[in-house]
C-alpha atoms as a PDB file:
ATOM      1  CA  MET A   1     115.867  34.716  84.143  1.00  0.00           C
ATOM      2  CA  ILE A   2     113.303  36.892  85.993  1.00  0.00           C
ATOM      3  CA  GLU A   3     115.405  39.979  85.271  1.00  0.00           C
ATOM      4  CA  LYS A   4     115.156  39.294  81.532  1.00  0.00           C
ATOM      5  CA  LYS A   5     111.375  38.758  81.739  1.00  0.00           C
ATOM      6  CA  LEU A   6     110.958  41.948  83.763  1.00  0.00           C
ATOM      7  CA  ASP A   7     113.081  43.883  81.279  1.00  0.00           C
ATOM      8  CA  ARG A   8     110.940  42.515  78.405  1.00  0.00           C
ATOM      9  CA  ALA A   9     107.747  43.486  80.252  1.00  0.00           C
ATOM     10  CA  ILE A  10     109.082  47.015  80.845  1.00  0.00           C
ATOM     11  CA  THR A  11     110.120  47.354  77.193  1.00  0.00           C
ATOM     12  CA  ASP A  12     106.687  46.131  76.035  1.00  0.00           C
ATOM     13  CA  PHE A  13     105.014  48.602  78.415  1.00  0.00           C
ATOM     14  CA  ILE A  14     107.093  51.499  77.066  1.00  0.00           C
ATOM     15  CA  TRP A  15     106.247  50.642  73.458  1.00  0.00           C
ATOM     16  CA  ASN A  16     102.561  50.338  74.344  1.00  0.00           C
ATOM     17  CA  VAL A  17     102.696  53.814  75.907  1.00  0.00           C
ATOM     18  CA  VAL A  18     104.395  55.160  72.765  1.00  0.00           C
ATOM     19  CA  GLU A  19     101.649  53.591  70.615  1.00  0.00           C
ATOM     20  CA  ILE A  20      98.850  54.964  72.811  1.00  0.00           C
ATOM     21  CA  HIS A  21     100.461  58.412  72.826  1.00  0.00           C
ATOM     22  CA  SER A  22     100.691  58.399  69.034  1.00  0.00           C
ATOM     23  CA  GLN A  23      97.060  57.336  68.650  1.00  0.00           C
ATOM     24  CA  MET A  24      95.901  59.952  71.167  1.00  0.00           C
ATOM     25  CA  GLU A  25      97.775  62.667  69.271  1.00  0.00           C
ATOM     26  CA  ASP A  26      95.976  61.593  66.088  1.00  0.00           C
ATOM     27  CA  ILE A  27      92.626  61.647  67.895  1.00  0.00           C
ATOM     28  CA  HIS A  28      93.297  65.081  69.417  1.00  0.00           C
ATOM     29  CA  THR A  29      94.402  66.391  66.023  1.00  0.00           C
ATOM     30  CA  SER A  30      91.116  65.167  64.537  1.00  0.00           C
ATOM     31  CA  TRP A  31      89.036  66.826  67.277  1.00  0.00           C
ATOM     32  CA  ALA A  32      91.032  70.048  66.851  1.00  0.00           C
ATOM     33  CA  GLY A  33      90.520  69.961  63.096  1.00  0.00           C
ATOM     34  CA  LEU A  34      86.761  69.835  63.579  1.00  0.00           C
ATOM     35  CA  LEU A  35      87.034  73.161  65.438  1.00  0.00           C
ATOM     36  CA  GLY A  36      89.600  74.659  63.051  1.00  0.00           C
ATOM     37  CA  ILE A  37      92.337  74.806  65.706  1.00  0.00           C
ATOM     38  CA  THR A  38      95.624  73.023  66.347  1.00  0.00           C
ATOM     39  CA  GLU A  39      96.133  69.936  68.518  1.00  0.00           C
ATOM     40  CA  PRO A  40      97.938  71.926  71.259  1.00  0.00           C
ATOM     41  CA  GLN A  41      95.069  74.441  71.262  1.00  0.00           C
ATOM     42  CA  TRP A  42      92.583  71.571  71.619  1.00  0.00           C
ATOM     43  CA  LEU A  43      94.531  70.291  74.620  1.00  0.00           C
ATOM     44  CA  ILE A  44      94.470  73.760  76.151  1.00  0.00           C
ATOM     45  CA  LEU A  45      90.687  73.881  75.794  1.00  0.00           C
ATOM     46  CA  MET A  46      90.437  70.403  77.360  1.00  0.00           C
ATOM     47  CA  ALA A  47      92.717  71.469  80.231  1.00  0.00           C
ATOM     48  CA  ILE A  48      90.568  74.540  80.889  1.00  0.00           C
ATOM     49  CA  THR A  49      87.457  72.344  80.815  1.00  0.00           C
ATOM     50  CA  GLU A  50      89.067  70.055  83.387  1.00  0.00           C
ATOM     51  CA  LEU A  51      90.513  72.759  85.653  1.00  0.00           C
ATOM     52  CA  ASP A  52      87.963  75.583  85.600  1.00  0.00           C
ATOM     53  CA  GLU A  53      85.794  75.675  88.690  1.00  0.00           C
ATOM     54  CA  GLY A  54      83.947  78.811  87.626  1.00  0.00           C
ATOM     55  CA  ARG A  55      86.645  81.385  88.356  1.00  0.00           C
ATOM     56  CA  GLY A  56      88.854  80.865  85.321  1.00  0.00           C
ATOM     57  CA  VAL A  57      92.205  79.107  85.055  1.00  0.00           C
ATOM     58  CA  ALA A  58      95.691  80.623  85.269  1.00  0.00           C
ATOM     59  CA  GLY A  59      98.047  79.967  82.395  1.00  0.00           C
ATOM     60  CA  THR A  60     100.571  78.437  84.774  1.00  0.00           C
ATOM     61  CA  ASP A  61      97.994  75.853  85.857  1.00  0.00           C
ATOM     62  CA  ILE A  62      97.290  74.966  82.231  1.00  0.00           C
ATOM     63  CA  ALA A  63     101.027  74.730  81.514  1.00  0.00           C
ATOM     64  CA  HIS A  64     101.512  72.458  84.515  1.00  0.00           C
ATOM     65  CA  LYS A  65      98.622  70.187  83.460  1.00  0.00           C
ATOM     66  CA  LEU A  66      99.956  69.905  79.903  1.00  0.00           C
ATOM     67  CA  ARG A  67     103.643  69.777  80.915  1.00  0.00           C
ATOM     68  CA  VAL A  68     104.555  72.708  78.659  1.00  0.00           C
ATOM     69  CA  HIS A  69     106.175  76.107  79.187  1.00  0.00           C
ATOM     70  CA  PRO A  70     103.805  78.877  80.362  1.00  0.00           C
ATOM     71  CA  ALA A  71     104.957  81.132  77.503  1.00  0.00           C
ATOM     72  CA  PHE A  72     103.648  78.543  75.038  1.00  0.00           C
ATOM     73  CA  VAL A  73     100.260  78.613  76.771  1.00  0.00           C
ATOM     74  CA  THR A  74     100.214  82.421  76.667  1.00  0.00           C
ATOM     75  CA  ASN A  75     100.928  82.430  72.931  1.00  0.00           C
ATOM     76  CA  GLN A  76      98.337  79.781  72.109  1.00  0.00           C
ATOM     77  CA  THR A  77      95.613  81.209  74.334  1.00  0.00           C
ATOM     78  CA  LYS A  78      95.939  84.589  72.637  1.00  0.00           C
ATOM     79  CA  ASN A  79      95.157  82.817  69.347  1.00  0.00           C
ATOM     80  CA  LEU A  80      92.246  80.971  70.937  1.00  0.00           C
ATOM     81  CA  GLU A  81      90.923  84.283  72.256  1.00  0.00           C
ATOM     82  CA  LYS A  82      91.161  85.845  68.767  1.00  0.00           C
ATOM     83  CA  ASN A  83      89.166  82.888  67.421  1.00  0.00           C
ATOM     84  CA  GLY A  84      86.480  83.362  70.081  1.00  0.00           C
ATOM     85  CA  PHE A  85      87.147  80.141  72.010  1.00  0.00           C
ATOM     86  CA  LEU A  86      88.217  81.649  75.298  1.00  0.00           C
ATOM     87  CA  SER A  87      88.187  84.818  77.294  1.00  0.00           C
ATOM     88  CA  ARG A  88      91.166  86.138  79.206  1.00  0.00           C
ATOM     89  CA  ARG A  89      90.882  88.513  82.155  1.00  0.00           C
ATOM     90  CA  PRO A  90      93.218  89.679  84.920  1.00  0.00           C
ATOM     91  CA  GLY A  91      92.956  87.830  88.215  1.00  0.00           C
ATOM     92  CA  ALA A  92      90.936  89.592  90.915  1.00  0.00           C
ATOM     93  CA  ASP A  93      93.633  88.994  93.544  1.00  0.00           C
ATOM     94  CA  ASP A  94      96.668  89.648  91.338  1.00  0.00           C
ATOM     95  CA  ALA A  95      96.381  91.391  87.967  1.00  0.00           C
ATOM     96  CA  ARG A  96      99.687  89.840  86.856  1.00  0.00           C
ATOM     97  CA  PHE A  97      97.870  86.525  86.502  1.00  0.00           C
ATOM     98  CA  VAL A  98      95.528  86.118  83.563  1.00  0.00           C
ATOM     99  CA  LEU A  99      92.572  83.826  84.141  1.00  0.00           C
ATOM    100  CA  MET A 100      91.056  82.035  81.179  1.00  0.00           C
ATOM    101  CA  SER A 101      87.597  80.601  80.654  1.00  0.00           C
ATOM    102  CA  LEU A 102      85.865  78.946  77.741  1.00  0.00           C
ATOM    103  CA  THR A 103      83.463  81.152  75.829  1.00  0.00           C
ATOM    104  CA  THR A 104      79.930  80.127  74.996  1.00  0.00           C
ATOM    105  CA  LYS A 105      81.163  79.438  71.455  1.00  0.00           C
ATOM    106  CA  ALA A 106      83.756  76.964  72.747  1.00  0.00           C
ATOM    107  CA  THR A 107      81.311  75.294  75.105  1.00  0.00           C
ATOM    108  CA  VAL A 108      78.725  74.878  72.332  1.00  0.00           C
ATOM    109  CA  GLU A 109      81.294  73.525  69.852  1.00  0.00           C
ATOM    110  CA  ILE A 110      82.725  71.054  72.380  1.00  0.00           C
ATOM    111  CA  GLU A 111      79.204  69.966  73.360  1.00  0.00           C
ATOM    112  CA  LYS A 112      78.445  69.248  69.682  1.00  0.00           C
ATOM    113  CA  LEU A 113      81.307  66.737  69.776  1.00  0.00           C
ATOM    114  CA  SER A 114      80.196  65.070  73.023  1.00  0.00           C
ATOM    115  CA  LYS A 115      78.216  62.199  71.441  1.00  0.00           C
ATOM    116  CA  ARG A 116      81.132  61.398  69.155  1.00  0.00           C
ATOM    117  CA  LYS A 117      83.551  61.586  72.103  1.00  0.00           C
ATOM    118  CA  LEU A 118      81.383  59.191  74.122  1.00  0.00           C
ATOM    119  CA  ALA A 119      81.299  56.734  71.214  1.00  0.00           C
ATOM    120  CA  LEU A 120      85.063  57.001  70.784  1.00  0.00           C
ATOM    121  CA  ASN A 121      85.674  56.469  74.516  1.00  0.00           C
ATOM    122  CA  SER A 122      83.343  53.473  74.424  1.00  0.00           C
ATOM    123  CA  THR A 123      85.425  51.988  71.612  1.00  0.00           C
ATOM    124  CA  MET A 124      88.761  52.656  73.317  1.00  0.00           C
ATOM    125  CA  PHE A 125      87.726  51.405  76.766  1.00  0.00           C
ATOM    126  CA  ASN A 126      85.149  48.805  75.716  1.00  0.00           C
ATOM    127  CA  ASP A 127      86.635  45.863  77.623  1.00  0.00           C
ATOM    128  CA  LEU A 128      87.459  47.793  80.817  1.00  0.00           C
ATOM    129  CA  ASP A 129      85.144  48.369  83.759  1.00  0.00           C
ATOM    130  CA  GLU A 130      85.325  51.265  86.227  1.00  0.00           C
ATOM    131  CA  LYS A 131      87.401  49.332  88.781  1.00  0.00           C
ATOM    132  CA  THR A 132      89.907  48.183  86.174  1.00  0.00           C
ATOM    133  CA  LEU A 133      90.312  51.767  84.964  1.00  0.00           C
ATOM    134  CA  ALA A 134      90.680  53.052  88.536  1.00  0.00           C
ATOM    135  CA  ASP A 135      93.355  50.427  89.234  1.00  0.00           C
ATOM    136  CA  LEU A 136      95.105  51.216  85.963  1.00  0.00           C
ATOM    137  CA  ASN A 137      95.038  54.953  86.716  1.00  0.00           C
ATOM    138  CA  ALA A 138      96.554  54.327  90.152  1.00  0.00           C
ATOM    139  CA  VAL A 139      99.372  52.293  88.612  1.00  0.00           C
ATOM    140  CA  LEU A 140      99.953  54.882  85.883  1.00  0.00           C
ATOM    141  CA  ALA A 141     100.049  57.685  88.480  1.00  0.00           C
ATOM    142  CA  THR A 142     102.763  55.781  90.350  1.00  0.00           C
ATOM    143  CA  ILE A 143     104.741  55.217  87.154  1.00  0.00           C
ATOM    144  CA  ALA A 144     104.362  58.922  86.229  1.00  0.00           C
ATOM    145  CA  LYS A 145     105.648  59.977  89.671  1.00  0.00           C
ATOM    146  CA  ASN A 146     108.597  57.591  89.385  1.00  0.00           C
ATOM    147  CA  ALA A 147     109.295  58.742  85.818  1.00  0.00           C
ATOM    148  CA  ARG A 148     109.517  62.364  87.008  1.00  0.00           C
ATOM    149  CA  LEU A 149     112.026  61.280  89.654  1.00  0.00           C
ATOM    150  CA  ALA A 150     114.003  59.240  87.110  1.00  0.00           C
ATOM    151  CA  ALA A 151     114.099  62.211  84.715  1.00  0.00           C
ATOM    152  CA  ARG A 152     115.437  64.480  87.476  1.00  0.00           C
ATOM    153  CA  LEU A 153     118.073  61.888  88.418  1.00  0.00           C
ATOM    154  CA  LEU A 154     119.104  61.515  84.788  1.00  0.00           C
ATOM    155  CA  ALA A 155     119.391  65.301  84.435  1.00  0.00           C
ATOM    156  CA  LEU A 156     121.737  65.345  87.450  1.00  0.00           C
ATOM    157  CA  ASP A 157     123.868  62.564  85.932  1.00  0.00           C
ATOM    158  CA  VAL A 158     124.138  64.366  82.585  1.00  0.00           C
ATOM    159  CA  SER A 159     125.145  67.744  84.013  1.00  0.00           C
END
């Protein structure tokens, strides 16, 4: 009987993740639309915001954060550069690596959205305190790690 309850709980969890993912895509698409860019380009800007410590961010680091192919990041960041949202420059240590940083235009545009983002986050996480979110993030990190392992195991079984 416990097996069946556990299976139901896992299934419910998976469908909740699917629902949250879908809603987050819609939210990211809306934010992107306000800047006149695509949802993947918005995520790239958010990844750079998260990762940049003042030296710029390598495309491979952005790709890793977003779980996409580096070539996709290269293609999209060229478009973002053309639109004035980021600057690309060769790495000081290795010119083969391109480092990307947000431009003043991007920073200003993202800052204009900050009050709306805070209000949206307040709505989404209204009933959760900092400890609950920290605990939830720890559990989700464990599930993500285990999911990566499960995906690798499945790939071995299929091949």
